[in-house]
Amino acid sequence: TTYPGLILGSGNAHELPRIEGQAILGFHVDHTSGLPVIAGSSIKGVLRSAFKHHEYISELTNLPQEQVKSLEKKIFNNGDIFFDATIEKEDSFGKILGDDFLAPHGADSLKNPIPLRLIKVLPNVTFRFDFELSDGILSKSEKSKLFQNILADLGLGAKTNVGYGKFETFTKFQSEEEKEDEKFATILNSDNPRALKNFIDSNPNHPRISELEEQIFLIEKNKEAEKFT
């Protein structure tokens, strides 16, 4: 989250009597953990609202506009699941929640603002977003990237028009295949033949063993050349 923070569940009734200084807006927390969560239905709603703007989605996906409507149906009516976003890390002071205030004015906008207290998620709190996606017009990875871009642009929660509900960075989604490819690339770029041989011994049926063997050959050949020099 970025400054000024994130407001969740502002429309929830909290049924408190009139108490001086109480929070005037409702707030949404998970009933099990007691921690703030961003409801999956809210995430889905924001994402779907973006599809009203076909040119915007077309620009993000490089798809022709006539395919955007089909993409919308595939995403929102075809089994993709949107889970609640949960807190993964507090801010740098170990805090999650804080106070904020609205100051509506009376008839004279220059006199006597009345500060009204509300509760918000503080800036620099990290949320984890989870989806269960399927491949289709877009791959799972492409869908995840699309969702990241939409949420970064539109934000979540209340009062996004004045800066609340924005997020600084979305970490790239990686499928299991992509994680394996990244792990393999790291090993392949190693200049330690022992590490390469250990990987081969542990994964004798890996489809790219030949690349590792070639890398070992080149490393050992270069070492021999250095000795000769």
C-alpha atoms as a PDB file:
ATOM      1  CA  THR A   1       0.000   0.000   0.000  1.00  0.00           C
ATOM      2  CA  THR A   2       1.090   3.581  -0.619  1.00  0.00           C
ATOM      3  CA  TYR A   3       0.323   6.842   1.182  1.00  0.00           C
ATOM      4  CA  PRO A   4      -2.290   7.623   2.437  1.00  0.00           C
ATOM      5  CA  GLY A   5      -3.266   3.944   2.853  1.00  0.00           C
ATOM      6  CA  LEU A   6      -6.231   1.675   2.178  1.00  0.00           C
ATOM      7  CA  ILE A   7      -9.863   1.931   3.348  1.00  0.00           C
ATOM      8  CA  LEU A   8     -11.786  -1.368   3.442  1.00  0.00           C
ATOM      9  CA  GLY A   9     -15.457  -2.019   4.176  1.00  0.00           C
ATOM     10  CA  SER A  10     -16.373   1.626   4.607  1.00  0.00           C
ATOM     11  CA  GLY A  11     -20.021   0.813   3.849  1.00  0.00           C
ATOM     12  CA  ASN A  12     -20.299  -1.770   6.640  1.00  0.00           C
ATOM     13  CA  ALA A  13     -22.642  -0.748   9.459  1.00  0.00           C
ATOM     14  CA  HIS A  14     -20.875  -0.945  12.814  1.00  0.00           C
ATOM     15  CA  GLU A  15     -23.960  -0.393  15.018  1.00  0.00           C
ATOM     16  CA  LEU A  16     -22.217   1.695  17.673  1.00  0.00           C
ATOM     17  CA  PRO A  17     -24.071   4.280  19.755  1.00  0.00           C
ATOM     18  CA  ARG A  18     -23.052   7.890  19.313  1.00  0.00           C
ATOM     19  CA  ILE A  19     -19.654   8.026  21.029  1.00  0.00           C
ATOM     20  CA  GLU A  20     -17.391  11.034  20.732  1.00  0.00           C
ATOM     21  CA  GLY A  21     -14.326  10.236  18.647  1.00  0.00           C
ATOM     22  CA  GLN A  22     -15.578   6.892  17.311  1.00  0.00           C
ATOM     23  CA  ALA A  23     -14.734   5.793  13.776  1.00  0.00           C
ATOM     24  CA  ILE A  24     -17.497   6.993  11.503  1.00  0.00           C
ATOM     25  CA  LEU A  25     -16.975   4.394   8.776  1.00  0.00           C
ATOM     26  CA  GLY A  26     -17.275   0.637   8.918  1.00  0.00           C
ATOM     27  CA  PHE A  27     -14.235  -1.589   8.357  1.00  0.00           C
ATOM     28  CA  HIS A  28     -13.774  -5.104   6.989  1.00  0.00           C
ATOM     29  CA  VAL A  29     -11.701  -7.797   8.713  1.00  0.00           C
ATOM     30  CA  ASP A  30     -11.442 -11.552   8.350  1.00  0.00           C
ATOM     31  CA  HIS A  31     -13.656 -13.287  10.944  1.00  0.00           C
ATOM     32  CA  THR A  32     -11.044 -15.993  11.584  1.00  0.00           C
ATOM     33  CA  SER A  33      -7.801 -14.015  11.859  1.00  0.00           C
ATOM     34  CA  GLY A  34      -9.201 -10.611  12.811  1.00  0.00           C
ATOM     35  CA  LEU A  35      -6.905  -9.048  10.206  1.00  0.00           C
ATOM     36  CA  PRO A  36      -7.953  -6.780   7.343  1.00  0.00           C
ATOM     37  CA  VAL A  37      -8.605  -8.593   4.056  1.00  0.00           C
ATOM     38  CA  ILE A  38      -9.563  -7.369   0.613  1.00  0.00           C
ATOM     39  CA  ALA A  39     -12.612  -9.404  -0.363  1.00  0.00           C
ATOM     40  CA  GLY A  40     -12.210 -11.525  -3.488  1.00  0.00           C
ATOM     41  CA  SER A  41     -15.567 -10.226  -4.691  1.00  0.00           C
ATOM     42  CA  SER A  42     -14.212  -6.653  -4.517  1.00  0.00           C
ATOM     43  CA  ILE A  43     -11.103  -7.613  -6.459  1.00  0.00           C
ATOM     44  CA  LYS A  44     -13.240  -9.346  -9.082  1.00  0.00           C
ATOM     45  CA  GLY A  45     -15.550  -6.319  -9.275  1.00  0.00           C
ATOM     46  CA  VAL A  46     -12.719  -3.852  -9.885  1.00  0.00           C
ATOM     47  CA  LEU A  47     -11.147  -6.088 -12.509  1.00  0.00           C
ATOM     48  CA  ARG A  48     -14.449  -6.570 -14.293  1.00  0.00           C
ATOM     49  CA  SER A  49     -15.200  -2.836 -14.254  1.00  0.00           C
ATOM     50  CA  ALA A  50     -12.059  -2.269 -16.322  1.00  0.00           C
ATOM     51  CA  PHE A  51     -13.534  -4.380 -19.124  1.00  0.00           C
ATOM     52  CA  LYS A  52     -16.127  -1.679 -19.787  1.00  0.00           C
ATOM     53  CA  HIS A  53     -13.268   0.137 -21.497  1.00  0.00           C
ATOM     54  CA  HIS A  54     -12.350  -2.091 -24.431  1.00  0.00           C
ATOM     55  CA  GLU A  55      -9.572   0.159 -25.708  1.00  0.00           C
ATOM     56  CA  TYR A  56      -7.853   0.070 -22.310  1.00  0.00           C
ATOM     57  CA  ILE A  57      -7.925  -3.739 -22.102  1.00  0.00           C
ATOM     58  CA  SER A  58      -6.847  -4.004 -25.737  1.00  0.00           C
ATOM     59  CA  GLU A  59      -3.847  -1.797 -25.001  1.00  0.00           C
ATOM     60  CA  LEU A  60      -2.839  -3.895 -21.983  1.00  0.00           C
ATOM     61  CA  THR A  61      -3.210  -7.255 -23.733  1.00  0.00           C
ATOM     62  CA  ASN A  62      -2.356  -6.424 -27.374  1.00  0.00           C
ATOM     63  CA  LEU A  63      -5.618  -8.129 -28.335  1.00  0.00           C
ATOM     64  CA  PRO A  64      -8.004  -6.646 -30.919  1.00  0.00           C
ATOM     65  CA  GLN A  65     -11.017  -4.981 -29.307  1.00  0.00           C
ATOM     66  CA  GLU A  66     -13.436  -7.545 -30.742  1.00  0.00           C
ATOM     67  CA  GLN A  67     -11.689 -10.218 -28.637  1.00  0.00           C
ATOM     68  CA  VAL A  68     -11.954  -8.280 -25.375  1.00  0.00           C
ATOM     69  CA  LYS A  69     -15.611  -9.241 -24.834  1.00  0.00           C
ATOM     70  CA  SER A  70     -14.772 -12.921 -25.347  1.00  0.00           C
ATOM     71  CA  LEU A  71     -11.858 -12.555 -22.933  1.00  0.00           C
ATOM     72  CA  GLU A  72     -14.186 -11.021 -20.343  1.00  0.00           C
ATOM     73  CA  LYS A  73     -16.559 -14.004 -20.554  1.00  0.00           C
ATOM     74  CA  LYS A  74     -13.689 -16.470 -20.340  1.00  0.00           C
ATOM     75  CA  ILE A  75     -12.275 -14.810 -17.228  1.00  0.00           C
ATOM     76  CA  PHE A  76     -15.429 -13.995 -15.264  1.00  0.00           C
ATOM     77  CA  ASN A  77     -17.879 -16.698 -16.381  1.00  0.00           C
ATOM     78  CA  ASN A  78     -15.600 -19.647 -16.954  1.00  0.00           C
ATOM     79  CA  GLY A  79     -14.321 -20.810 -13.594  1.00  0.00           C
ATOM     80  CA  ASP A  80     -11.435 -18.454 -12.753  1.00  0.00           C
ATOM     81  CA  ILE A  81     -11.452 -17.932  -8.980  1.00  0.00           C
ATOM     82  CA  PHE A  82     -10.678 -14.715  -7.101  1.00  0.00           C
ATOM     83  CA  PHE A  83      -9.571 -15.274  -3.503  1.00  0.00           C
ATOM     84  CA  ASP A  84      -9.446 -12.715  -0.694  1.00  0.00           C
ATOM     85  CA  ALA A  85      -6.169 -10.767  -0.592  1.00  0.00           C
ATOM     86  CA  THR A  86      -4.493 -11.240   2.790  1.00  0.00           C
ATOM     87  CA  ILE A  87      -1.768  -9.383   4.642  1.00  0.00           C
ATOM     88  CA  GLU A  88       1.685 -10.869   4.231  1.00  0.00           C
ATOM     89  CA  LYS A  89       3.810  -8.209   5.946  1.00  0.00           C
ATOM     90  CA  GLU A  90       3.257  -5.222   8.254  1.00  0.00           C
ATOM     91  CA  ASP A  91       4.807  -1.817   7.677  1.00  0.00           C
ATOM     92  CA  SER A  92       8.396  -1.092   8.750  1.00  0.00           C
ATOM     93  CA  PHE A  93       7.195  -0.341  12.322  1.00  0.00           C
ATOM     94  CA  GLY A  94       5.307  -3.630  12.645  1.00  0.00           C
ATOM     95  CA  LYS A  95       1.913  -1.932  12.353  1.00  0.00           C
ATOM     96  CA  ILE A  96      -1.096  -2.547  10.104  1.00  0.00           C
ATOM     97  CA  LEU A  97      -3.858  -0.116  11.119  1.00  0.00           C
ATOM     98  CA  GLY A  98      -3.953   3.574  11.854  1.00  0.00           C
ATOM     99  CA  ASP A  99      -6.276   6.556  12.213  1.00  0.00           C
ATOM    100  CA  ASP A 100      -7.182   9.066   9.564  1.00  0.00           C
ATOM    101  CA  PHE A 101      -9.622  11.941   9.498  1.00  0.00           C
ATOM    102  CA  LEU A 102     -12.117  13.533   7.166  1.00  0.00           C
ATOM    103  CA  ALA A 103     -12.869  17.197   7.716  1.00  0.00           C
ATOM    104  CA  PRO A 104     -16.208  18.094   6.094  1.00  0.00           C
ATOM    105  CA  HIS A 105     -17.164  21.766   6.304  1.00  0.00           C
ATOM    106  CA  GLY A 106     -20.493  23.417   6.993  1.00  0.00           C
ATOM    107  CA  ALA A 107     -22.200  26.072   4.897  1.00  0.00           C
ATOM    108  CA  ASP A 108     -19.066  28.224   5.087  1.00  0.00           C
ATOM    109  CA  SER A 109     -16.300  26.151   3.565  1.00  0.00           C
ATOM    110  CA  LEU A 110     -13.631  28.281   5.258  1.00  0.00           C
ATOM    111  CA  LYS A 111     -14.876  27.882   8.830  1.00  0.00           C
ATOM    112  CA  ASN A 112     -15.156  25.201  11.485  1.00  0.00           C
ATOM    113  CA  PRO A 113     -14.227  21.921   9.795  1.00  0.00           C
ATOM    114  CA  ILE A 114     -15.346  18.969  11.932  1.00  0.00           C
ATOM    115  CA  PRO A 115     -12.700  16.184  11.993  1.00  0.00           C
ATOM    116  CA  LEU A 116     -14.319  12.755  11.686  1.00  0.00           C
ATOM    117  CA  ARG A 117     -12.211   9.706  12.524  1.00  0.00           C
ATOM    118  CA  LEU A 118     -11.854   6.615  10.335  1.00  0.00           C
ATOM    119  CA  ILE A 119      -9.680   3.504  10.405  1.00  0.00           C
ATOM    120  CA  LYS A 120      -7.378   2.610   7.519  1.00  0.00           C
ATOM    121  CA  VAL A 121      -4.659   0.144   6.570  1.00  0.00           C
ATOM    122  CA  LEU A 122      -1.394   2.050   6.808  1.00  0.00           C
ATOM    123  CA  PRO A 123       0.992   2.657   3.902  1.00  0.00           C
ATOM    124  CA  ASN A 124       3.761   0.079   3.269  1.00  0.00           C
ATOM    125  CA  VAL A 125       1.648  -2.936   4.273  1.00  0.00           C
ATOM    126  CA  THR A 126       2.099  -5.901   1.903  1.00  0.00           C
ATOM    127  CA  PHE A 127      -0.905  -7.885   0.639  1.00  0.00           C
ATOM    128  CA  ARG A 128      -0.835 -11.232  -1.140  1.00  0.00           C
ATOM    129  CA  PHE A 129      -3.248 -11.682  -4.063  1.00  0.00           C
ATOM    130  CA  ASP A 130      -4.248 -15.241  -5.017  1.00  0.00           C
ATOM    131  CA  PHE A 131      -6.115 -16.448  -8.086  1.00  0.00           C
ATOM    132  CA  GLU A 132      -6.915 -19.846  -9.548  1.00  0.00           C
ATOM    133  CA  LEU A 133      -6.655 -19.256 -13.279  1.00  0.00           C
ATOM    134  CA  SER A 134      -6.982 -21.283 -16.452  1.00  0.00           C
ATOM    135  CA  ASP A 135      -5.271 -20.903 -19.827  1.00  0.00           C
ATOM    136  CA  GLY A 136      -7.396 -19.636 -22.710  1.00  0.00           C
ATOM    137  CA  ILE A 137      -7.260 -16.559 -24.930  1.00  0.00           C
ATOM    138  CA  LEU A 138      -4.563 -15.464 -22.480  1.00  0.00           C
ATOM    139  CA  SER A 139      -2.248 -17.776 -20.569  1.00  0.00           C
ATOM    140  CA  LYS A 140      -2.372 -17.849 -16.767  1.00  0.00           C
ATOM    141  CA  SER A 141       0.767 -15.739 -16.642  1.00  0.00           C
ATOM    142  CA  GLU A 142      -0.673 -13.189 -19.079  1.00  0.00           C
ATOM    143  CA  LYS A 143      -3.908 -12.977 -17.079  1.00  0.00           C
ATOM    144  CA  SER A 144      -1.946 -12.376 -13.903  1.00  0.00           C
ATOM    145  CA  LYS A 145       0.027  -9.586 -15.560  1.00  0.00           C
ATOM    146  CA  LEU A 146      -3.239  -8.054 -16.826  1.00  0.00           C
ATOM    147  CA  PHE A 147      -4.737  -8.145 -13.315  1.00  0.00           C
ATOM    148  CA  GLN A 148      -1.611  -6.525 -11.866  1.00  0.00           C
ATOM    149  CA  ASN A 149      -1.793  -3.668 -14.355  1.00  0.00           C
ATOM    150  CA  ILE A 150      -5.510  -3.058 -13.764  1.00  0.00           C
ATOM    151  CA  LEU A 151      -5.198  -3.086  -9.971  1.00  0.00           C
ATOM    152  CA  ALA A 152      -2.154  -0.808 -10.105  1.00  0.00           C
ATOM    153  CA  ASP A 153      -4.100   1.652 -12.284  1.00  0.00           C
ATOM    154  CA  LEU A 154      -7.491   1.571 -10.543  1.00  0.00           C
ATOM    155  CA  GLY A 155      -6.681   0.736  -6.931  1.00  0.00           C
ATOM    156  CA  LEU A 156      -8.976  -0.966  -4.411  1.00  0.00           C
ATOM    157  CA  GLY A 157     -11.235   0.026  -1.549  1.00  0.00           C
ATOM    158  CA  ALA A 158     -12.856   3.403  -0.885  1.00  0.00           C
ATOM    159  CA  LYS A 159     -11.739   6.913  -1.877  1.00  0.00           C
ATOM    160  CA  THR A 160      -9.366   5.809  -4.637  1.00  0.00           C
ATOM    161  CA  ASN A 161     -10.142   9.115  -6.369  1.00  0.00           C
ATOM    162  CA  VAL A 162      -8.125  10.934  -3.686  1.00  0.00           C
ATOM    163  CA  GLY A 163      -5.216   8.490  -3.545  1.00  0.00           C
ATOM    164  CA  TYR A 164      -6.315   5.731  -1.170  1.00  0.00           C
ATOM    165  CA  GLY A 165      -6.130   2.080  -2.194  1.00  0.00           C
ATOM    166  CA  LYS A 166      -3.061   2.318  -4.423  1.00  0.00           C
ATOM    167  CA  PHE A 167      -0.245  -0.221  -4.491  1.00  0.00           C
ATOM    168  CA  GLU A 168       3.417   0.415  -5.137  1.00  0.00           C
ATOM    169  CA  THR A 169       4.644  -2.859  -6.634  1.00  0.00           C
ATOM    170  CA  PHE A 170       3.083  -6.091  -7.789  1.00  0.00           C
ATOM    171  CA  THR A 171       5.490  -9.043  -7.810  1.00  0.00           C
ATOM    172  CA  LYS A 172       5.296 -10.981 -11.056  1.00  0.00           C
ATOM    173  CA  PHE A 173       3.261 -14.189 -11.002  1.00  0.00           C
ATOM    174  CA  GLN A 174       5.230 -17.294 -11.955  1.00  0.00           C
ATOM    175  CA  SER A 175       3.764 -20.644 -12.909  1.00  0.00           C
ATOM    176  CA  GLU A 176       5.518 -23.812 -11.734  1.00  0.00           C
ATOM    177  CA  GLU A 177       6.972 -24.204 -15.225  1.00  0.00           C
ATOM    178  CA  GLU A 178       8.380 -20.672 -15.148  1.00  0.00           C
ATOM    179  CA  LYS A 179       9.884 -21.252 -11.707  1.00  0.00           C
ATOM    180  CA  GLU A 180      11.580 -24.382 -12.999  1.00  0.00           C
ATOM    181  CA  ASP A 181      12.870 -22.542 -16.070  1.00  0.00           C
ATOM    182  CA  GLU A 182      14.289 -19.770 -13.872  1.00  0.00           C
ATOM    183  CA  LYS A 183      15.947 -22.298 -11.570  1.00  0.00           C
ATOM    184  CA  PHE A 184      17.429 -24.128 -14.547  1.00  0.00           C
ATOM    185  CA  ALA A 185      18.729 -20.865 -16.077  1.00  0.00           C
ATOM    186  CA  THR A 186      20.514 -20.042 -12.809  1.00  0.00           C
ATOM    187  CA  ILE A 187      22.168 -23.460 -12.750  1.00  0.00           C
ATOM    188  CA  LEU A 188      23.031 -23.305 -16.457  1.00  0.00           C
ATOM    189  CA  ASN A 189      24.812 -19.966 -15.963  1.00  0.00           C
ATOM    190  CA  SER A 190      26.908 -21.363 -13.126  1.00  0.00           C
ATOM    191  CA  ASP A 191      30.667 -21.639 -13.631  1.00  0.00           C
ATOM    192  CA  ASN A 192      30.874 -24.415 -11.044  1.00  0.00           C
ATOM    193  CA  PRO A 193      30.992 -27.794 -12.820  1.00  0.00           C
ATOM    194  CA  ARG A 194      30.359 -29.634  -9.544  1.00  0.00           C
ATOM    195  CA  ALA A 195      27.014 -27.849  -9.111  1.00  0.00           C
ATOM    196  CA  LEU A 196      26.103 -28.740 -12.695  1.00  0.00           C
ATOM    197  CA  LYS A 197      27.056 -32.389 -12.194  1.00  0.00           C
ATOM    198  CA  ASN A 198      25.067 -32.537  -8.939  1.00  0.00           C
ATOM    199  CA  PHE A 199      21.982 -31.271 -10.791  1.00  0.00           C
ATOM    200  CA  ILE A 200      22.457 -33.912 -13.506  1.00  0.00           C
ATOM    201  CA  ASP A 201      22.805 -36.658 -10.873  1.00  0.00           C
ATOM    202  CA  SER A 202      19.652 -35.459  -9.103  1.00  0.00           C
ATOM    203  CA  ASN A 203      17.640 -35.020 -12.319  1.00  0.00           C
ATOM    204  CA  PRO A 204      18.859 -37.707 -14.726  1.00  0.00           C
ATOM    205  CA  ASN A 205      15.711 -37.500 -16.872  1.00  0.00           C
ATOM    206  CA  HIS A 206      15.664 -33.718 -17.241  1.00  0.00           C
ATOM    207  CA  PRO A 207      14.963 -32.863 -20.924  1.00  0.00           C
ATOM    208  CA  ARG A 208      17.783 -30.274 -21.053  1.00  0.00           C
ATOM    209  CA  ILE A 209      20.614 -32.418 -19.662  1.00  0.00           C
ATOM    210  CA  SER A 210      22.592 -31.983 -22.889  1.00  0.00           C
ATOM    211  CA  GLU A 211      22.825 -28.223 -22.308  1.00  0.00           C
ATOM    212  CA  LEU A 212      24.335 -28.816 -18.873  1.00  0.00           C
ATOM    213  CA  GLU A 213      26.805 -31.341 -20.227  1.00  0.00           C
ATOM    214  CA  GLU A 214      27.863 -28.866 -22.908  1.00  0.00           C
ATOM    215  CA  GLN A 215      28.320 -26.169 -20.250  1.00  0.00           C
ATOM    216  CA  ILE A 216      30.503 -28.515 -18.158  1.00  0.00           C
ATOM    217  CA  PHE A 217      32.584 -29.285 -21.255  1.00  0.00           C
ATOM    218  CA  LEU A 218      33.132 -25.580 -21.998  1.00  0.00           C
ATOM    219  CA  ILE A 219      34.066 -24.768 -18.389  1.00  0.00           C
ATOM    220  CA  GLU A 220      36.619 -27.575 -18.232  1.00  0.00           C
ATOM    221  CA  LYS A 221      37.971 -26.685 -21.679  1.00  0.00           C
ATOM    222  CA  ASN A 222      38.467 -23.060 -20.606  1.00  0.00           C
ATOM    223  CA  LYS A 223      40.245 -24.162 -17.436  1.00  0.00           C
ATOM    224  CA  GLU A 224      42.596 -26.316 -19.463  1.00  0.00           C
ATOM    225  CA  ALA A 225      43.309 -23.395 -21.783  1.00  0.00           C
ATOM    226  CA  GLU A 226      44.086 -21.155 -18.785  1.00  0.00           C
ATOM    227  CA  LYS A 227      46.528 -23.754 -17.437  1.00  0.00           C
ATOM    228  CA  PHE A 228      48.286 -23.904 -20.810  1.00  0.00           C
ATOM    229  CA  THR A 229      48.551 -20.119 -20.971  1.00  0.00           C
END
